[in-house]
């Protein structure tokens, strides 16, 4: 086998607590992370010529060393010897710089796919350790479970029995820099963190935990996010929140029909990206 195609899913954050800033400059986080079935398509092909080639169909996405998928391949080539190369083709379905983890998911797929193609035999934990150096969300996509993520995102605990939901994603088309959001965040002294339940009894119970500390930064700069959240709730969502550093807003629904109906109503007359998707 010298070719492999993988599907790299997006993620949303049901919870994103920024607990404080660490001595290394990163932020201490506590997140509930959930994959959804909006996926980039990643094709990997072993080549006879050494080196890494990346092509991506999304406008403005780098094809070379600036692409996190390229960095993932480089990280593996740095730890094993081969006279072969890798060609990576990315068909983007997840909006770029949207708070949905698309780049991190692509990188995770490259790590897992190359591990298979080159028969490296690296454990999931080893791949997660490599992924953490590429980006805080990469280990989560290798973990492949709904998770409570702590530290910078590398400490992952599975969350079982999360209610199945339909998710409406709406992105108004503005690009948000995650680094800018964290630089602009005003940290406050936190009280006691809400205790995480062992399981969520219902969609309503899950939605009661929706919270994102980064909204204060992104919504101030892009008020359209607050508008979308309000319209999402008026369209029948059980709850709504900005995902990650934004600007994508998601709404939680109990059926595909409700999510799709809200999508059509909410995005009428706009050029916003939208998708009704299912949790994985």
C-alpha atoms as a PDB file:
ATOM      1  CA  UNK A   1       0.000   0.000   0.000  1.00  0.00           C
ATOM      2  CA  UNK A   2       1.447   3.355  -0.985  1.00  0.00           C
ATOM      3  CA  UNK A   3      -1.677   5.557  -0.982  1.00  0.00           C
ATOM      4  CA  UNK A   4      -4.153   6.284   1.802  1.00  0.00           C
ATOM      5  CA  UNK A   5      -7.142   8.629   2.065  1.00  0.00           C
ATOM      6  CA  UNK A   6      -8.311   9.822   5.475  1.00  0.00           C
ATOM      7  CA  UNK A   7     -11.121  12.099   6.632  1.00  0.00           C
ATOM      8  CA  UNK A   8     -10.105  14.757   9.152  1.00  0.00           C
ATOM      9  CA  UNK A   9     -13.108  15.913  11.239  1.00  0.00           C
ATOM     10  CA  UNK A  10     -13.761  19.365  12.688  1.00  0.00           C
ATOM     11  CA  UNK A  11     -14.292  19.941  16.401  1.00  0.00           C
ATOM     12  CA  UNK A  12     -16.344  22.209  18.609  1.00  0.00           C
ATOM     13  CA  UNK A  13     -15.769  23.195  22.237  1.00  0.00           C
ATOM     14  CA  UNK A  14     -18.746  22.759  24.545  1.00  0.00           C
ATOM     15  CA  UNK A  15     -16.575  24.312  27.245  1.00  0.00           C
ATOM     16  CA  UNK A  16     -13.417  26.429  27.084  1.00  0.00           C
ATOM     17  CA  UNK A  17     -12.097  27.701  30.422  1.00  0.00           C
ATOM     18  CA  UNK A  18      -8.863  29.713  30.399  1.00  0.00           C
ATOM     19  CA  UNK A  19      -7.519  29.067  33.886  1.00  0.00           C
ATOM     20  CA  UNK A  20      -4.301  31.097  33.733  1.00  0.00           C
ATOM     21  CA  UNK A  21      -1.031  31.756  31.945  1.00  0.00           C
ATOM     22  CA  UNK A  22       1.847  29.318  32.347  1.00  0.00           C
ATOM     23  CA  UNK A  23       5.545  30.192  32.761  1.00  0.00           C
ATOM     24  CA  UNK A  24       6.177  28.886  29.208  1.00  0.00           C
ATOM     25  CA  UNK A  25       3.802  31.503  27.777  1.00  0.00           C
ATOM     26  CA  UNK A  26       0.992  29.070  26.973  1.00  0.00           C
ATOM     27  CA  UNK A  27      -2.380  29.163  28.714  1.00  0.00           C
ATOM     28  CA  UNK A  28      -3.708  26.554  31.117  1.00  0.00           C
ATOM     29  CA  UNK A  29      -7.042  25.381  29.752  1.00  0.00           C
ATOM     30  CA  UNK A  30      -9.989  23.159  30.580  1.00  0.00           C
ATOM     31  CA  UNK A  31     -12.127  22.177  27.602  1.00  0.00           C
ATOM     32  CA  UNK A  32     -14.840  19.763  26.568  1.00  0.00           C
ATOM     33  CA  UNK A  33     -13.993  18.853  22.974  1.00  0.00           C
ATOM     34  CA  UNK A  34     -16.340  17.152  20.530  1.00  0.00           C
ATOM     35  CA  UNK A  35     -15.692  15.967  16.966  1.00  0.00           C
ATOM     36  CA  UNK A  36     -18.326  16.540  14.266  1.00  0.00           C
ATOM     37  CA  UNK A  37     -18.678  14.992  10.829  1.00  0.00           C
ATOM     38  CA  UNK A  38     -17.589  17.982   8.755  1.00  0.00           C
ATOM     39  CA  UNK A  39     -14.322  16.635   7.345  1.00  0.00           C
ATOM     40  CA  UNK A  40     -11.338  17.618   5.233  1.00  0.00           C
ATOM     41  CA  UNK A  41     -10.162  14.882   2.854  1.00  0.00           C
ATOM     42  CA  UNK A  42      -6.469  14.016   3.185  1.00  0.00           C
ATOM     43  CA  UNK A  43      -4.761  11.880   0.522  1.00  0.00           C
ATOM     44  CA  UNK A  44      -1.267  10.570   1.287  1.00  0.00           C
ATOM     45  CA  UNK A  45       0.966   8.976  -1.353  1.00  0.00           C
ATOM     46  CA  UNK A  46       4.466   7.590  -0.859  1.00  0.00           C
ATOM     47  CA  UNK A  47       6.789   8.933  -3.568  1.00  0.00           C
ATOM     48  CA  UNK A  48      10.115   7.598  -4.850  1.00  0.00           C
ATOM     49  CA  UNK A  49      11.591  11.099  -4.545  1.00  0.00           C
ATOM     50  CA  UNK A  50      12.537  12.147  -0.994  1.00  0.00           C
ATOM     51  CA  UNK A  51      10.822  15.200   0.474  1.00  0.00           C
ATOM     52  CA  UNK A  52       7.359  16.501   1.294  1.00  0.00           C
ATOM     53  CA  UNK A  53       4.853  17.957  -1.149  1.00  0.00           C
ATOM     54  CA  UNK A  54       1.625  19.559   0.088  1.00  0.00           C
ATOM     55  CA  UNK A  55      -1.185  20.835  -2.096  1.00  0.00           C
ATOM     56  CA  UNK A  56      -4.381  22.364  -0.737  1.00  0.00           C
ATOM     57  CA  UNK A  57      -7.413  23.613  -2.650  1.00  0.00           C
ATOM     58  CA  UNK A  58      -8.285  26.343  -0.110  1.00  0.00           C
ATOM     59  CA  UNK A  59      -7.366  29.850  -1.190  1.00  0.00           C
ATOM     60  CA  UNK A  60      -4.718  31.454   1.023  1.00  0.00           C
ATOM     61  CA  UNK A  61      -3.658  28.169   2.650  1.00  0.00           C
ATOM     62  CA  UNK A  62       0.125  27.600   2.390  1.00  0.00           C
ATOM     63  CA  UNK A  63       1.313  24.608   0.378  1.00  0.00           C
ATOM     64  CA  UNK A  64       4.833  24.313   1.802  1.00  0.00           C
ATOM     65  CA  UNK A  65       6.514  24.439   5.230  1.00  0.00           C
ATOM     66  CA  UNK A  66       3.943  26.990   6.429  1.00  0.00           C
ATOM     67  CA  UNK A  67       1.274  24.284   6.398  1.00  0.00           C
ATOM     68  CA  UNK A  68       0.865  22.331   9.658  1.00  0.00           C
ATOM     69  CA  UNK A  69       0.335  19.131   7.619  1.00  0.00           C
ATOM     70  CA  UNK A  70       3.818  19.626   6.126  1.00  0.00           C
ATOM     71  CA  UNK A  71       5.210  20.122   9.652  1.00  0.00           C
ATOM     72  CA  UNK A  72       3.559  16.872  10.767  1.00  0.00           C
ATOM     73  CA  UNK A  73       5.237  14.935   7.956  1.00  0.00           C
ATOM     74  CA  UNK A  74       8.565  16.602   8.724  1.00  0.00           C
ATOM     75  CA  UNK A  75       8.279  15.645  12.407  1.00  0.00           C
ATOM     76  CA  UNK A  76       7.990  11.970  11.420  1.00  0.00           C
ATOM     77  CA  UNK A  77      10.761  12.068   8.802  1.00  0.00           C
ATOM     78  CA  UNK A  78      12.985  13.529  11.528  1.00  0.00           C
ATOM     79  CA  UNK A  79      12.646  10.346  13.605  1.00  0.00           C
ATOM     80  CA  UNK A  80      12.905   7.584  10.971  1.00  0.00           C
ATOM     81  CA  UNK A  81      15.107   7.042   7.947  1.00  0.00           C
ATOM     82  CA  UNK A  82      13.740   6.456   4.450  1.00  0.00           C
ATOM     83  CA  UNK A  83      14.717   7.196   0.873  1.00  0.00           C
ATOM     84  CA  UNK A  84      11.040   7.812   0.047  1.00  0.00           C
ATOM     85  CA  UNK A  85       8.953  10.982   0.222  1.00  0.00           C
ATOM     86  CA  UNK A  86       5.313  11.847   0.822  1.00  0.00           C
ATOM     87  CA  UNK A  87       2.746  13.728  -1.249  1.00  0.00           C
ATOM     88  CA  UNK A  88      -0.105  15.253   0.769  1.00  0.00           C
ATOM     89  CA  UNK A  89      -3.245  16.480  -0.983  1.00  0.00           C
ATOM     90  CA  UNK A  90      -5.817  18.338   1.114  1.00  0.00           C
ATOM     91  CA  UNK A  91      -9.393  18.992   0.025  1.00  0.00           C
ATOM     92  CA  UNK A  92     -10.669  21.570   2.525  1.00  0.00           C
ATOM     93  CA  UNK A  93     -14.249  21.349   3.732  1.00  0.00           C
ATOM     94  CA  UNK A  94     -13.592  22.935   7.148  1.00  0.00           C
ATOM     95  CA  UNK A  95     -13.271  26.751   6.986  1.00  0.00           C
ATOM     96  CA  UNK A  96      -9.769  28.093   7.684  1.00  0.00           C
ATOM     97  CA  UNK A  97      -9.041  30.109  10.876  1.00  0.00           C
ATOM     98  CA  UNK A  98     -12.558  29.338  12.096  1.00  0.00           C
ATOM     99  CA  UNK A  99     -12.160  27.863  15.603  1.00  0.00           C
ATOM    100  CA  UNK A 100     -12.980  24.367  14.287  1.00  0.00           C
ATOM    101  CA  UNK A 101      -9.497  22.828  14.478  1.00  0.00           C
ATOM    102  CA  UNK A 102      -9.228  22.024  10.768  1.00  0.00           C
ATOM    103  CA  UNK A 103      -5.461  22.465  10.501  1.00  0.00           C
ATOM    104  CA  UNK A 104      -4.823  20.457  13.658  1.00  0.00           C
ATOM    105  CA  UNK A 105      -7.093  17.679  12.412  1.00  0.00           C
ATOM    106  CA  UNK A 106      -5.247  17.611   9.075  1.00  0.00           C
ATOM    107  CA  UNK A 107      -1.915  17.315  10.922  1.00  0.00           C
ATOM    108  CA  UNK A 108      -3.272  14.501  13.103  1.00  0.00           C
ATOM    109  CA  UNK A 109      -4.431  12.628   9.990  1.00  0.00           C
ATOM    110  CA  UNK A 110      -0.979  12.997   8.417  1.00  0.00           C
ATOM    111  CA  UNK A 111       0.680  11.561  11.552  1.00  0.00           C
ATOM    112  CA  UNK A 112      -1.730   8.624  11.744  1.00  0.00           C
ATOM    113  CA  UNK A 113      -1.685   8.004   7.994  1.00  0.00           C
ATOM    114  CA  UNK A 114       2.113   8.039   7.660  1.00  0.00           C
ATOM    115  CA  UNK A 115       2.366   5.750  10.694  1.00  0.00           C
ATOM    116  CA  UNK A 116       0.247   3.264   8.721  1.00  0.00           C
ATOM    117  CA  UNK A 117       1.817   3.772   5.272  1.00  0.00           C
ATOM    118  CA  UNK A 118       5.425   3.481   6.471  1.00  0.00           C
ATOM    119  CA  UNK A 119       4.636   0.752   9.043  1.00  0.00           C
ATOM    120  CA  UNK A 120       6.275   2.790  11.792  1.00  0.00           C
ATOM    121  CA  UNK A 121       4.492   1.045  14.661  1.00  0.00           C
ATOM    122  CA  UNK A 122       4.255   4.228  16.729  1.00  0.00           C
ATOM    123  CA  UNK A 123       1.748   4.045  19.581  1.00  0.00           C
ATOM    124  CA  UNK A 124      -1.177   6.423  19.848  1.00  0.00           C
ATOM    125  CA  UNK A 125       0.529   8.063  22.841  1.00  0.00           C
ATOM    126  CA  UNK A 126       3.758   8.597  20.884  1.00  0.00           C
ATOM    127  CA  UNK A 127       1.805  10.172  18.012  1.00  0.00           C
ATOM    128  CA  UNK A 128      -0.003  12.400  20.519  1.00  0.00           C
ATOM    129  CA  UNK A 129       3.341  13.482  22.035  1.00  0.00           C
ATOM    130  CA  UNK A 130       4.615  14.421  18.565  1.00  0.00           C
ATOM    131  CA  UNK A 131       1.314  16.140  17.760  1.00  0.00           C
ATOM    132  CA  UNK A 132       1.396  18.284  20.892  1.00  0.00           C
ATOM    133  CA  UNK A 133       4.563  19.985  19.608  1.00  0.00           C
ATOM    134  CA  UNK A 134       2.703  20.922  16.413  1.00  0.00           C
ATOM    135  CA  UNK A 135      -0.453  22.338  17.992  1.00  0.00           C
ATOM    136  CA  UNK A 136      -2.480  22.041  21.183  1.00  0.00           C
ATOM    137  CA  UNK A 137      -5.511  20.472  19.452  1.00  0.00           C
ATOM    138  CA  UNK A 138      -3.577  17.820  17.483  1.00  0.00           C
ATOM    139  CA  UNK A 139      -3.510  15.168  20.274  1.00  0.00           C
ATOM    140  CA  UNK A 140      -7.311  15.369  20.608  1.00  0.00           C
ATOM    141  CA  UNK A 141      -7.814  14.311  16.980  1.00  0.00           C
ATOM    142  CA  UNK A 142      -5.461  11.350  17.477  1.00  0.00           C
ATOM    143  CA  UNK A 143      -7.346  10.446  20.689  1.00  0.00           C
ATOM    144  CA  UNK A 144     -10.566  10.115  18.597  1.00  0.00           C
ATOM    145  CA  UNK A 145     -12.981  10.399  21.545  1.00  0.00           C
ATOM    146  CA  UNK A 146     -15.068  13.164  23.078  1.00  0.00           C
ATOM    147  CA  UNK A 147     -12.752  14.433  25.790  1.00  0.00           C
ATOM    148  CA  UNK A 148     -12.092  16.651  28.747  1.00  0.00           C
ATOM    149  CA  UNK A 149      -8.846  18.372  27.715  1.00  0.00           C
ATOM    150  CA  UNK A 150      -6.611  20.027  30.306  1.00  0.00           C
ATOM    151  CA  UNK A 151      -3.139  21.571  30.430  1.00  0.00           C
ATOM    152  CA  UNK A 152      -2.591  23.196  27.028  1.00  0.00           C
ATOM    153  CA  UNK A 153      -4.919  20.544  25.615  1.00  0.00           C
ATOM    154  CA  UNK A 154      -2.606  17.553  25.854  1.00  0.00           C
ATOM    155  CA  UNK A 155      -4.114  15.966  29.015  1.00  0.00           C
ATOM    156  CA  UNK A 156      -7.114  14.081  27.657  1.00  0.00           C
ATOM    157  CA  UNK A 157      -9.753  12.111  29.549  1.00  0.00           C
ATOM    158  CA  UNK A 158     -12.568  10.391  27.643  1.00  0.00           C
ATOM    159  CA  UNK A 159     -16.097  11.615  28.298  1.00  0.00           C
ATOM    160  CA  UNK A 160     -18.453   8.694  27.802  1.00  0.00           C
ATOM    161  CA  UNK A 161     -22.224   8.780  27.312  1.00  0.00           C
ATOM    162  CA  UNK A 162     -22.256  12.296  25.843  1.00  0.00           C
ATOM    163  CA  UNK A 163     -25.737  12.781  24.322  1.00  0.00           C
ATOM    164  CA  UNK A 164     -25.860  12.562  20.524  1.00  0.00           C
ATOM    165  CA  UNK A 165     -26.592  15.987  19.023  1.00  0.00           C
ATOM    166  CA  UNK A 166     -27.071  17.658  15.702  1.00  0.00           C
ATOM    167  CA  UNK A 167     -24.913  20.754  15.393  1.00  0.00           C
ATOM    168  CA  UNK A 168     -25.491  23.772  13.171  1.00  0.00           C
ATOM    169  CA  UNK A 169     -22.245  25.540  12.266  1.00  0.00           C
ATOM    170  CA  UNK A 170     -22.378  29.121  10.982  1.00  0.00           C
ATOM    171  CA  UNK A 171     -19.257  31.082  10.046  1.00  0.00           C
ATOM    172  CA  UNK A 172     -19.628  34.737   8.977  1.00  0.00           C
ATOM    173  CA  UNK A 173     -16.453  34.620   6.910  1.00  0.00           C
ATOM    174  CA  UNK A 174     -14.073  36.691   9.029  1.00  0.00           C
ATOM    175  CA  UNK A 175     -10.717  35.115   9.861  1.00  0.00           C
ATOM    176  CA  UNK A 176      -9.674  35.122  13.500  1.00  0.00           C
ATOM    177  CA  UNK A 177      -6.097  34.596  14.689  1.00  0.00           C
ATOM    178  CA  UNK A 178      -6.001  32.291  17.714  1.00  0.00           C
ATOM    179  CA  UNK A 179      -2.714  33.892  18.824  1.00  0.00           C
ATOM    180  CA  UNK A 180      -4.299  37.369  18.702  1.00  0.00           C
ATOM    181  CA  UNK A 181      -7.285  36.220  20.776  1.00  0.00           C
ATOM    182  CA  UNK A 182      -5.094  34.776  23.541  1.00  0.00           C
ATOM    183  CA  UNK A 183      -2.821  37.856  23.519  1.00  0.00           C
ATOM    184  CA  UNK A 184      -5.886  40.089  23.902  1.00  0.00           C
ATOM    185  CA  UNK A 185      -7.551  38.052  26.651  1.00  0.00           C
ATOM    186  CA  UNK A 186      -7.786  39.803  29.996  1.00  0.00           C
ATOM    187  CA  UNK A 187      -7.334  37.101  32.611  1.00  0.00           C
ATOM    188  CA  UNK A 188      -9.348  37.486  35.796  1.00  0.00           C
ATOM    189  CA  UNK A 189      -9.029  35.735  39.117  1.00  0.00           C
ATOM    190  CA  UNK A 190     -11.194  32.668  38.789  1.00  0.00           C
ATOM    191  CA  UNK A 191     -13.375  31.309  41.522  1.00  0.00           C
ATOM    192  CA  UNK A 192     -13.872  27.593  41.991  1.00  0.00           C
ATOM    193  CA  UNK A 193     -14.192  25.747  38.677  1.00  0.00           C
ATOM    194  CA  UNK A 194     -17.511  24.029  38.076  1.00  0.00           C
ATOM    195  CA  UNK A 195     -17.162  20.343  38.839  1.00  0.00           C
ATOM    196  CA  UNK A 196     -17.427  18.105  35.782  1.00  0.00           C
ATOM    197  CA  UNK A 197     -20.207  15.517  36.001  1.00  0.00           C
ATOM    198  CA  UNK A 198     -19.324  11.877  35.400  1.00  0.00           C
ATOM    199  CA  UNK A 199     -21.898  11.788  32.621  1.00  0.00           C
ATOM    200  CA  UNK A 200     -24.436  14.105  31.013  1.00  0.00           C
ATOM    201  CA  UNK A 201     -28.033  12.962  31.468  1.00  0.00           C
ATOM    202  CA  UNK A 202     -29.541  14.856  28.533  1.00  0.00           C
ATOM    203  CA  UNK A 203     -28.859  17.437  25.854  1.00  0.00           C
ATOM    204  CA  UNK A 204     -30.244  20.086  28.219  1.00  0.00           C
ATOM    205  CA  UNK A 205     -27.776  18.983  30.932  1.00  0.00           C
ATOM    206  CA  UNK A 206     -24.900  19.198  28.444  1.00  0.00           C
ATOM    207  CA  UNK A 207     -25.995  22.618  27.190  1.00  0.00           C
ATOM    208  CA  UNK A 208     -26.060  23.954  30.769  1.00  0.00           C
ATOM    209  CA  UNK A 209     -22.234  23.701  30.684  1.00  0.00           C
ATOM    210  CA  UNK A 210     -21.764  25.719  27.462  1.00  0.00           C
ATOM    211  CA  UNK A 211     -19.145  28.394  28.157  1.00  0.00           C
ATOM    212  CA  UNK A 212     -16.226  29.957  26.287  1.00  0.00           C
ATOM    213  CA  UNK A 213     -13.882  32.468  27.937  1.00  0.00           C
ATOM    214  CA  UNK A 214     -12.572  33.580  24.522  1.00  0.00           C
ATOM    215  CA  UNK A 215     -15.930  35.016  23.461  1.00  0.00           C
ATOM    216  CA  UNK A 216     -15.200  38.218  25.385  1.00  0.00           C
ATOM    217  CA  UNK A 217     -12.340  39.005  23.000  1.00  0.00           C
ATOM    218  CA  UNK A 218     -13.716  37.822  19.675  1.00  0.00           C
ATOM    219  CA  UNK A 219     -17.267  39.167  20.074  1.00  0.00           C
ATOM    220  CA  UNK A 220     -15.903  42.612  20.997  1.00  0.00           C
ATOM    221  CA  UNK A 221     -14.037  42.708  17.682  1.00  0.00           C
ATOM    222  CA  UNK A 222     -16.758  40.947  15.654  1.00  0.00           C
ATOM    223  CA  UNK A 223     -20.259  41.715  17.060  1.00  0.00           C
ATOM    224  CA  UNK A 224     -21.799  39.599  14.275  1.00  0.00           C
ATOM    225  CA  UNK A 225     -20.927  36.560  16.425  1.00  0.00           C
ATOM    226  CA  UNK A 226     -23.334  37.685  19.169  1.00  0.00           C
ATOM    227  CA  UNK A 227     -25.956  38.337  16.498  1.00  0.00           C
ATOM    228  CA  UNK A 228     -25.584  34.809  15.101  1.00  0.00           C
ATOM    229  CA  UNK A 229     -25.829  33.321  18.614  1.00  0.00           C
ATOM    230  CA  UNK A 230     -29.081  35.194  19.272  1.00  0.00           C
ATOM    231  CA  UNK A 231     -30.530  34.210  15.903  1.00  0.00           C
ATOM    232  CA  UNK A 232     -29.471  30.594  16.506  1.00  0.00           C
ATOM    233  CA  UNK A 233     -31.495  30.508  19.734  1.00  0.00           C
ATOM    234  CA  UNK A 234     -34.462  32.180  18.030  1.00  0.00           C
ATOM    235  CA  UNK A 235     -34.280  29.452  15.385  1.00  0.00           C
ATOM    236  CA  UNK A 236     -34.817  26.692  17.956  1.00  0.00           C
ATOM    237  CA  UNK A 237     -31.333  25.780  19.207  1.00  0.00           C
ATOM    238  CA  UNK A 238     -31.218  24.237  22.691  1.00  0.00           C
ATOM    239  CA  UNK A 239     -27.972  26.198  23.232  1.00  0.00           C
ATOM    240  CA  UNK A 240     -25.439  28.190  21.223  1.00  0.00           C
ATOM    241  CA  UNK A 241     -21.774  29.121  21.641  1.00  0.00           C
ATOM    242  CA  UNK A 242     -18.734  30.320  19.731  1.00  0.00           C
ATOM    243  CA  UNK A 243     -16.311  27.466  19.043  1.00  0.00           C
ATOM    244  CA  UNK A 244     -12.667  27.863  20.024  1.00  0.00           C
ATOM    245  CA  UNK A 245     -11.299  31.321  19.237  1.00  0.00           C
ATOM    246  CA  UNK A 246     -14.069  31.826  16.683  1.00  0.00           C
ATOM    247  CA  UNK A 247     -15.619  33.134  14.603  1.00  0.00           C
ATOM    248  CA  UNK A 248     -17.711  29.980  13.979  1.00  0.00           C
ATOM    249  CA  UNK A 249     -20.853  29.774  16.098  1.00  0.00           C
ATOM    250  CA  UNK A 250     -22.564  26.465  16.733  1.00  0.00           C
ATOM    251  CA  UNK A 251     -26.085  25.654  17.838  1.00  0.00           C
ATOM    252  CA  UNK A 252     -27.135  22.390  19.496  1.00  0.00           C
ATOM    253  CA  UNK A 253     -30.261  20.726  18.104  1.00  0.00           C
ATOM    254  CA  UNK A 254     -32.132  17.492  18.795  1.00  0.00           C
ATOM    255  CA  UNK A 255     -32.677  16.500  15.158  1.00  0.00           C
ATOM    256  CA  UNK A 256     -31.195  17.020  11.723  1.00  0.00           C
ATOM    257  CA  UNK A 257     -34.500  18.445  10.466  1.00  0.00           C
ATOM    258  CA  UNK A 258     -34.429  21.186  13.122  1.00  0.00           C
ATOM    259  CA  UNK A 259     -30.769  22.005  12.459  1.00  0.00           C
ATOM    260  CA  UNK A 260     -31.244  22.121   8.684  1.00  0.00           C
ATOM    261  CA  UNK A 261     -34.388  24.250   8.936  1.00  0.00           C
ATOM    262  CA  UNK A 262     -32.538  26.703  11.186  1.00  0.00           C
ATOM    263  CA  UNK A 263     -29.585  26.735   8.761  1.00  0.00           C
ATOM    264  CA  UNK A 264     -31.771  27.747   5.855  1.00  0.00           C
ATOM    265  CA  UNK A 265     -33.580  30.418   7.866  1.00  0.00           C
ATOM    266  CA  UNK A 266     -30.467  31.856   9.483  1.00  0.00           C
ATOM    267  CA  UNK A 267     -28.245  32.127   6.417  1.00  0.00           C
ATOM    268  CA  UNK A 268     -30.875  33.335   3.927  1.00  0.00           C
ATOM    269  CA  UNK A 269     -29.491  36.286   1.943  1.00  0.00           C
ATOM    270  CA  UNK A 270     -25.937  35.881   3.317  1.00  0.00           C
ATOM    271  CA  UNK A 271     -22.738  34.359   1.968  1.00  0.00           C
ATOM    272  CA  UNK A 272     -21.934  32.781   5.336  1.00  0.00           C
ATOM    273  CA  UNK A 273     -20.550  29.260   5.529  1.00  0.00           C
ATOM    274  CA  UNK A 274     -23.035  26.909   7.174  1.00  0.00           C
ATOM    275  CA  UNK A 275     -23.443  23.188   7.727  1.00  0.00           C
ATOM    276  CA  UNK A 276     -25.778  20.956   9.721  1.00  0.00           C
ATOM    277  CA  UNK A 277     -23.593  18.164  11.083  1.00  0.00           C
ATOM    278  CA  UNK A 278     -23.694  15.261  13.523  1.00  0.00           C
ATOM    279  CA  UNK A 279     -21.515  14.671  16.568  1.00  0.00           C
ATOM    280  CA  UNK A 280     -19.064  11.769  16.297  1.00  0.00           C
END
